[in-house]
Amino acid sequence: MTGTEDNLVNRTARTVDGLLHDSHQQIEAIGGISIYCAGCMLQVKSRMDRVAEKMQQSMLNAPFICPFTFGEQGQFLGGENEHGNLMISNVLFYRE
């Protein structure tokens, strides 16, 4: 598994672009929440302004928040604990 800082800078906007612009239906974002791995954020800390700019462009200036979380561990339905590293999740609120 490999990646670059550019991948980390572009990743949030790229996932939003996929949701909004590659869909078979017209979606107008009215807001969003993007959970961004704090470990990734620390790696690109000096470029976080660019991450925010790209997200704003992808969201067409709709408001969003972006908390940075550590510890992507959790318990699955079977009871086992697992770790997911370098995670990102997006929730979009939209008008059809």
C-alpha atoms as a PDB file:
ATOM      1  CA  MET A   1       0.000   0.000   0.000  1.00  0.00           C
ATOM      2  CA  THR A   2       1.448   3.357  -0.997  1.00  0.00           C
ATOM      3  CA  GLY A   3       0.313   6.945  -1.179  1.00  0.00           C
ATOM      4  CA  THR A   4       1.507  10.484  -1.429  1.00  0.00           C
ATOM      5  CA  GLU A   5       0.798  13.737   0.377  1.00  0.00           C
ATOM      6  CA  ASP A   6      -1.053  14.868  -2.732  1.00  0.00           C
ATOM      7  CA  ASN A   7      -3.356  11.844  -2.342  1.00  0.00           C
ATOM      8  CA  LEU A   8      -4.101  12.901   1.228  1.00  0.00           C
ATOM      9  CA  VAL A   9      -4.722  16.530   0.212  1.00  0.00           C
ATOM     10  CA  ASN A  10      -7.103  15.519  -2.582  1.00  0.00           C
ATOM     11  CA  ARG A  11      -8.887  12.605  -0.940  1.00  0.00           C
ATOM     12  CA  THR A  12     -11.819  14.406   0.752  1.00  0.00           C
ATOM     13  CA  ALA A  13     -12.731  16.463  -2.301  1.00  0.00           C
ATOM     14  CA  ARG A  14     -12.306  13.439  -4.561  1.00  0.00           C
ATOM     15  CA  THR A  15     -14.863  11.428  -2.594  1.00  0.00           C
ATOM     16  CA  VAL A  16     -17.340  14.332  -2.590  1.00  0.00           C
ATOM     17  CA  ASP A  17     -16.821  14.789  -6.335  1.00  0.00           C
ATOM     18  CA  GLY A  18     -17.656  11.137  -6.820  1.00  0.00           C
ATOM     19  CA  LEU A  19     -20.870  11.493  -4.851  1.00  0.00           C
ATOM     20  CA  LEU A  20     -22.051  14.737  -6.421  1.00  0.00           C
ATOM     21  CA  HIS A  21     -20.756  14.708  -9.961  1.00  0.00           C
ATOM     22  CA  ASP A  22     -20.493  11.076 -10.989  1.00  0.00           C
ATOM     23  CA  SER A  23     -24.023  10.214  -9.893  1.00  0.00           C
ATOM     24  CA  HIS A  24     -26.764   9.282 -12.340  1.00  0.00           C
ATOM     25  CA  GLN A  25     -29.018  11.862 -10.708  1.00  0.00           C
ATOM     26  CA  GLN A  26     -28.695  15.610 -10.187  1.00  0.00           C
ATOM     27  CA  ILE A  27     -27.648  16.308  -6.591  1.00  0.00           C
ATOM     28  CA  GLU A  28     -27.308  19.773  -5.053  1.00  0.00           C
ATOM     29  CA  ALA A  29     -25.283  19.676  -1.831  1.00  0.00           C
ATOM     30  CA  ILE A  30     -26.617  21.916   0.933  1.00  0.00           C
ATOM     31  CA  GLY A  31     -24.119  20.848   3.604  1.00  0.00           C
ATOM     32  CA  GLY A  32     -21.832  18.085   4.739  1.00  0.00           C
ATOM     33  CA  ILE A  33     -19.715  16.384   7.366  1.00  0.00           C
ATOM     34  CA  SER A  34     -16.332  14.956   6.471  1.00  0.00           C
ATOM     35  CA  ILE A  35     -14.499  12.809   9.032  1.00  0.00           C
ATOM     36  CA  TYR A  36     -10.772  12.964   8.251  1.00  0.00           C
ATOM     37  CA  CYS A  37      -8.152  10.787   9.924  1.00  0.00           C
ATOM     38  CA  ALA A  38      -6.094  12.909  12.341  1.00  0.00           C
ATOM     39  CA  GLY A  39      -2.968  10.954  11.420  1.00  0.00           C
ATOM     40  CA  CYS A  40      -3.425  11.965   7.774  1.00  0.00           C
ATOM     41  CA  MET A  41      -4.098  15.545   8.854  1.00  0.00           C
ATOM     42  CA  LEU A  42      -0.854  15.652  10.826  1.00  0.00           C
ATOM     43  CA  GLN A  43       1.061  14.420   7.774  1.00  0.00           C
ATOM     44  CA  VAL A  44      -0.291  17.275   5.594  1.00  0.00           C
ATOM     45  CA  LYS A  45      -0.788  19.862   8.349  1.00  0.00           C
ATOM     46  CA  SER A  46       0.979  22.634   6.439  1.00  0.00           C
ATOM     47  CA  ARG A  47      -1.358  22.036   3.457  1.00  0.00           C
ATOM     48  CA  MET A  48      -4.694  21.869   5.302  1.00  0.00           C
ATOM     49  CA  ASP A  49      -5.717  25.196   3.772  1.00  0.00           C
ATOM     50  CA  ARG A  50      -5.544  23.473   0.376  1.00  0.00           C
ATOM     51  CA  VAL A  51      -7.624  20.539   1.685  1.00  0.00           C
ATOM     52  CA  ALA A  52     -10.308  23.036   2.809  1.00  0.00           C
ATOM     53  CA  GLU A  53     -10.191  24.919  -0.511  1.00  0.00           C
ATOM     54  CA  LYS A  54     -10.637  21.730  -2.503  1.00  0.00           C
ATOM     55  CA  MET A  55     -13.515  20.647  -0.268  1.00  0.00           C
ATOM     56  CA  GLN A  56     -15.210  24.047  -0.715  1.00  0.00           C
ATOM     57  CA  GLN A  57     -14.900  23.723  -4.485  1.00  0.00           C
ATOM     58  CA  SER A  58     -16.333  20.210  -4.473  1.00  0.00           C
ATOM     59  CA  MET A  59     -19.203  21.246  -2.201  1.00  0.00           C
ATOM     60  CA  LEU A  60     -19.876  24.295  -4.448  1.00  0.00           C
ATOM     61  CA  ASN A  61     -19.402  26.477  -1.351  1.00  0.00           C
ATOM     62  CA  ALA A  62     -22.106  24.681   0.675  1.00  0.00           C
ATOM     63  CA  PRO A  63     -21.199  24.656   4.396  1.00  0.00           C
ATOM     64  CA  PHE A  64     -19.417  21.658   5.900  1.00  0.00           C
ATOM     65  CA  ILE A  65     -17.575  20.630   9.032  1.00  0.00           C
ATOM     66  CA  CYS A  66     -14.539  18.379   9.205  1.00  0.00           C
ATOM     67  CA  PRO A  67     -13.544  16.841  12.540  1.00  0.00           C
ATOM     68  CA  PHE A  68     -10.214  15.007  12.746  1.00  0.00           C
ATOM     69  CA  THR A  69     -10.372  11.721  14.637  1.00  0.00           C
ATOM     70  CA  PHE A  70      -7.778   9.337  16.040  1.00  0.00           C
ATOM     71  CA  GLY A  71      -8.372   5.710  16.787  1.00  0.00           C
ATOM     72  CA  GLU A  72     -10.449   4.156  14.084  1.00  0.00           C
ATOM     73  CA  GLN A  73     -11.090   1.089  16.214  1.00  0.00           C
ATOM     74  CA  GLY A  74     -14.438  -0.427  16.877  1.00  0.00           C
ATOM     75  CA  GLN A  75     -16.316  -3.557  17.684  1.00  0.00           C
ATOM     76  CA  PHE A  76     -18.032  -5.401  14.863  1.00  0.00           C
ATOM     77  CA  LEU A  77     -21.340  -7.230  15.139  1.00  0.00           C
ATOM     78  CA  GLY A  78     -19.556 -10.533  15.773  1.00  0.00           C
ATOM     79  CA  GLY A  79     -17.865  -9.048  18.867  1.00  0.00           C
ATOM     80  CA  GLU A  80     -14.357  -8.802  17.405  1.00  0.00           C
ATOM     81  CA  ASN A  81     -12.406  -5.561  17.691  1.00  0.00           C
ATOM     82  CA  GLU A  82     -10.795  -4.261  14.494  1.00  0.00           C
ATOM     83  CA  HIS A  83      -8.659  -1.331  13.405  1.00  0.00           C
ATOM     84  CA  GLY A  84      -9.140   0.681  10.232  1.00  0.00           C
ATOM     85  CA  ASN A  85      -6.262   3.017   9.425  1.00  0.00           C
ATOM     86  CA  LEU A  86      -6.212   6.294   7.476  1.00  0.00           C
ATOM     87  CA  MET A  87      -9.984   6.544   7.284  1.00  0.00           C
ATOM     88  CA  ILE A  88     -12.249   9.135   5.667  1.00  0.00           C
ATOM     89  CA  SER A  89     -16.017   9.312   5.696  1.00  0.00           C
ATOM     90  CA  ASN A  90     -18.419  11.817   4.168  1.00  0.00           C
ATOM     91  CA  VAL A  91     -22.059  12.577   4.862  1.00  0.00           C
ATOM     92  CA  LEU A  92     -23.757  14.908   2.407  1.00  0.00           C
ATOM     93  CA  PHE A  93     -27.029  16.707   2.888  1.00  0.00           C
ATOM     94  CA  TYR A  94     -28.612  17.481  -0.448  1.00  0.00           C
ATOM     95  CA  ARG A  95     -31.599  18.726  -2.323  1.00  0.00           C
ATOM     96  CA  GLU A  96     -32.793  16.597  -5.233  1.00  0.00           C
END
